[in-house]
Amino acid sequence: MLPDKERKVLRILAAYTYKHKRFPSMWELWRKTGSREADLVRTLKALVDKGFIEWDQASHHTSRIIKEWEDGVMVKHQKDSRALEPWEMASF
């Protein structure tokens, strides 16, 4: 299981890469996490060592995500609620 900081950075990387089709810069990561650059570099190196990302410190263009999620982690789906809210009942 990943520590909180590594999991947070991995989720930010996955969401950012999905939305913008590129790896975020260090400035963008700093802005989204609030961590210092040295902490971010340490976290990114830990994610590389654990096989979640490929990261080249000199060039972010060659960096990519290998695995977005941890192994064995289940995503909880929201239950389908059929209960009507009080304000929805007034329209009947």
C-alpha atoms as a PDB file:
ATOM      1  CA  MET A   1       0.000   0.000   0.000  1.00  0.00           C
ATOM      2  CA  LEU A   2       1.306   3.423  -0.922  1.00  0.00           C
ATOM      3  CA  PRO A   3       1.832   6.152   1.674  1.00  0.00           C
ATOM      4  CA  ASP A   4      -0.633   9.043   1.489  1.00  0.00           C
ATOM      5  CA  LYS A   5       1.739  11.488  -0.202  1.00  0.00           C
ATOM      6  CA  GLU A   6       2.684   9.013  -2.948  1.00  0.00           C
ATOM      7  CA  ARG A   7      -0.947   8.036  -3.514  1.00  0.00           C
ATOM      8  CA  LYS A   8      -1.946  11.712  -3.723  1.00  0.00           C
ATOM      9  CA  VAL A   9       0.759  12.511  -6.271  1.00  0.00           C
ATOM     10  CA  LEU A  10      -0.108   9.414  -8.324  1.00  0.00           C
ATOM     11  CA  ARG A  11      -3.800  10.378  -8.448  1.00  0.00           C
ATOM     12  CA  ILE A  12      -2.877  13.952  -9.431  1.00  0.00           C
ATOM     13  CA  LEU A  13      -0.588  12.648 -12.176  1.00  0.00           C
ATOM     14  CA  ALA A  14      -3.255  10.287 -13.506  1.00  0.00           C
ATOM     15  CA  ALA A  15      -6.001  12.920 -13.522  1.00  0.00           C
ATOM     16  CA  TYR A  16      -3.773  15.616 -14.999  1.00  0.00           C
ATOM     17  CA  THR A  17      -2.420  13.337 -17.719  1.00  0.00           C
ATOM     18  CA  TYR A  18      -5.923  12.172 -18.618  1.00  0.00           C
ATOM     19  CA  LYS A  19      -7.270  15.718 -18.860  1.00  0.00           C
ATOM     20  CA  HIS A  20      -4.325  17.534 -20.470  1.00  0.00           C
ATOM     21  CA  LYS A  21      -2.693  14.651 -22.395  1.00  0.00           C
ATOM     22  CA  ARG A  22       0.728  15.460 -20.955  1.00  0.00           C
ATOM     23  CA  PHE A  23       2.731  15.058 -17.756  1.00  0.00           C
ATOM     24  CA  PRO A  24       2.518  18.080 -15.407  1.00  0.00           C
ATOM     25  CA  SER A  25       5.535  20.286 -14.835  1.00  0.00           C
ATOM     26  CA  MET A  26       7.165  20.548 -11.422  1.00  0.00           C
ATOM     27  CA  TRP A  27       5.538  23.954 -10.937  1.00  0.00           C
ATOM     28  CA  GLU A  28       2.093  22.490 -11.656  1.00  0.00           C
ATOM     29  CA  LEU A  29       2.734  19.597  -9.252  1.00  0.00           C
ATOM     30  CA  TRP A  30       3.946  22.009  -6.589  1.00  0.00           C
ATOM     31  CA  ARG A  31       0.823  24.108  -7.040  1.00  0.00           C
ATOM     32  CA  LYS A  32      -1.519  21.132  -6.765  1.00  0.00           C
ATOM     33  CA  THR A  33       0.206  19.366  -3.851  1.00  0.00           C
ATOM     34  CA  GLY A  34       1.644  22.240  -1.834  1.00  0.00           C
ATOM     35  CA  SER A  35       4.831  20.216  -1.284  1.00  0.00           C
ATOM     36  CA  ARG A  36       8.356  21.531  -1.675  1.00  0.00           C
ATOM     37  CA  GLU A  37      10.300  20.571  -4.802  1.00  0.00           C
ATOM     38  CA  ALA A  38      12.677  18.317  -2.853  1.00  0.00           C
ATOM     39  CA  ASP A  39       9.709  16.409  -1.389  1.00  0.00           C
ATOM     40  CA  LEU A  40       8.123  16.098  -4.824  1.00  0.00           C
ATOM     41  CA  VAL A  41      11.339  14.741  -6.339  1.00  0.00           C
ATOM     42  CA  ARG A  42      11.636  12.231  -3.492  1.00  0.00           C
ATOM     43  CA  THR A  43       8.008  11.151  -3.986  1.00  0.00           C
ATOM     44  CA  LEU A  44       8.391  10.826  -7.757  1.00  0.00           C
ATOM     45  CA  LYS A  45      11.559   8.750  -7.325  1.00  0.00           C
ATOM     46  CA  ALA A  46       9.694   6.472  -4.903  1.00  0.00           C
ATOM     47  CA  LEU A  47       6.917   6.010  -7.477  1.00  0.00           C
ATOM     48  CA  VAL A  48       9.554   5.153 -10.101  1.00  0.00           C
ATOM     49  CA  ASP A  49      11.185   2.620  -7.773  1.00  0.00           C
ATOM     50  CA  LYS A  50       7.820   0.984  -7.084  1.00  0.00           C
ATOM     51  CA  GLY A  51       7.004   0.759 -10.810  1.00  0.00           C
ATOM     52  CA  PHE A  52       4.074   3.177 -11.003  1.00  0.00           C
ATOM     53  CA  ILE A  53       5.623   5.772 -13.327  1.00  0.00           C
ATOM     54  CA  GLU A  54       8.526   6.337 -15.691  1.00  0.00           C
ATOM     55  CA  TRP A  55       9.968   9.756 -14.949  1.00  0.00           C
ATOM     56  CA  ASP A  56      12.887  11.639 -16.421  1.00  0.00           C
ATOM     57  CA  GLN A  57      13.790  14.601 -14.244  1.00  0.00           C
ATOM     58  CA  ALA A  58      15.351  16.485 -17.156  1.00  0.00           C
ATOM     59  CA  SER A  59      12.447  16.053 -19.573  1.00  0.00           C
ATOM     60  CA  HIS A  60       8.834  15.684 -18.520  1.00  0.00           C
ATOM     61  CA  HIS A  61       7.855  14.924 -22.147  1.00  0.00           C
ATOM     62  CA  THR A  62       9.240  11.396 -21.929  1.00  0.00           C
ATOM     63  CA  SER A  63       7.571  10.673 -18.568  1.00  0.00           C
ATOM     64  CA  ARG A  64       4.518   8.417 -18.407  1.00  0.00           C
ATOM     65  CA  ILE A  65       2.277   6.558 -15.999  1.00  0.00           C
ATOM     66  CA  ILE A  66       2.613   2.762 -15.937  1.00  0.00           C
ATOM     67  CA  LYS A  67      -0.037   1.925 -13.297  1.00  0.00           C
ATOM     68  CA  GLU A  68      -2.689   4.356 -12.089  1.00  0.00           C
ATOM     69  CA  TRP A  69      -3.888   2.308  -9.122  1.00  0.00           C
ATOM     70  CA  GLU A  70      -2.375   0.193  -6.413  1.00  0.00           C
ATOM     71  CA  ASP A  71      -2.781  -3.566  -6.679  1.00  0.00           C
ATOM     72  CA  GLY A  72      -5.629  -4.960  -4.625  1.00  0.00           C
ATOM     73  CA  VAL A  73      -7.366  -1.637  -4.044  1.00  0.00           C
ATOM     74  CA  MET A  74     -11.084  -1.788  -4.738  1.00  0.00           C
ATOM     75  CA  VAL A  75     -12.889   1.319  -5.896  1.00  0.00           C
ATOM     76  CA  LYS A  76     -16.132   1.745  -3.984  1.00  0.00           C
ATOM     77  CA  HIS A  77     -19.055   2.435  -6.284  1.00  0.00           C
ATOM     78  CA  GLN A  78     -21.859   4.660  -5.122  1.00  0.00           C
ATOM     79  CA  LYS A  79     -25.099   2.915  -4.355  1.00  0.00           C
ATOM     80  CA  ASP A  80     -27.966   3.648  -6.701  1.00  0.00           C
ATOM     81  CA  SER A  81     -30.402   5.494  -4.492  1.00  0.00           C
ATOM     82  CA  ARG A  82     -34.010   5.454  -5.625  1.00  0.00           C
ATOM     83  CA  ALA A  83     -35.315   7.436  -2.677  1.00  0.00           C
ATOM     84  CA  LEU A  84     -36.986  10.688  -3.586  1.00  0.00           C
ATOM     85  CA  GLU A  85     -35.863  13.877  -1.958  1.00  0.00           C
ATOM     86  CA  PRO A  86     -38.614  16.013  -0.342  1.00  0.00           C
ATOM     87  CA  TRP A  87     -38.362  18.755  -2.984  1.00  0.00           C
ATOM     88  CA  GLU A  88     -38.702  16.186  -5.794  1.00  0.00           C
ATOM     89  CA  MET A  89     -42.003  14.897  -4.379  1.00  0.00           C
ATOM     90  CA  ALA A  90     -43.667  18.289  -4.846  1.00  0.00           C
ATOM     91  CA  SER A  91     -43.554  17.933  -8.644  1.00  0.00           C
ATOM     92  CA  PHE A  92     -45.867  14.861  -8.635  1.00  0.00           C
END
